[in-house]
Amino acid sequence: MTLTTTLHVNFDGQAAAALAFYAEVFGGTVTAVPYGDTAEVPEQREQIVWGEMVAPSGVHVMAYDIQRSLAYDRGTNPFYLALRGHDADEVRSAWEGLSQDAEILAPFGPSVFSPLYGKLVDRFGVVWIIDVIASWNG
C-alpha cells in the first residue's frame, strides 16, 4: 500500500474558484460537492463542502469552504505548497500559470539550491514554493 500527502486548503467562499484556477494551470479535473447536496449547512448551499483538483502530472489539491460555525483566519505563513519537478519547462509553465494576479515573494530564477526557484502568493492567498529539483553530487 502506498500513502500520499495532499495539501487541503480551507477557504471562505472561494474554494470553487480556487480549484477551477488550479485545474486551468495544471490541466486537471475538479470534483466538488456543494453544501447544497448535504443537509449540513443550508446557508452555504453554493459553497464547497468537499473538493479536489487532480492533474495528470500528479498535482493534487483538496479544498473546501469552512463552515460558518468555525473560525476562519488565513493566517500568516500557515503552510507553503511545494511544487517540485525535474523538467524545467514543466515547472516554468506552472510558475507562469500560478503567477497570474499573484504577489511574487521570490522571483523565478536560479538559487543556491535549485536551477530554478520562485515563491509567490497566488490570488487566493496560498503560498507556493516552486522549484526544479537539483541533482547533488556528493
Foldseek 3Di string as FASTA:
>chain_A
DDDDDAAEEEAAQCQVVVLVLVCVLQVWDKDFDACLVDPPAPVRRPWTPWMWTAHPVGHIHIYGYDDPVDDDDLDDCPDEAEAEEQDPVSLVSSCVSQCVVKAWPADWACDPQARTWTWIQGPRRHIYITGYHDDDDD
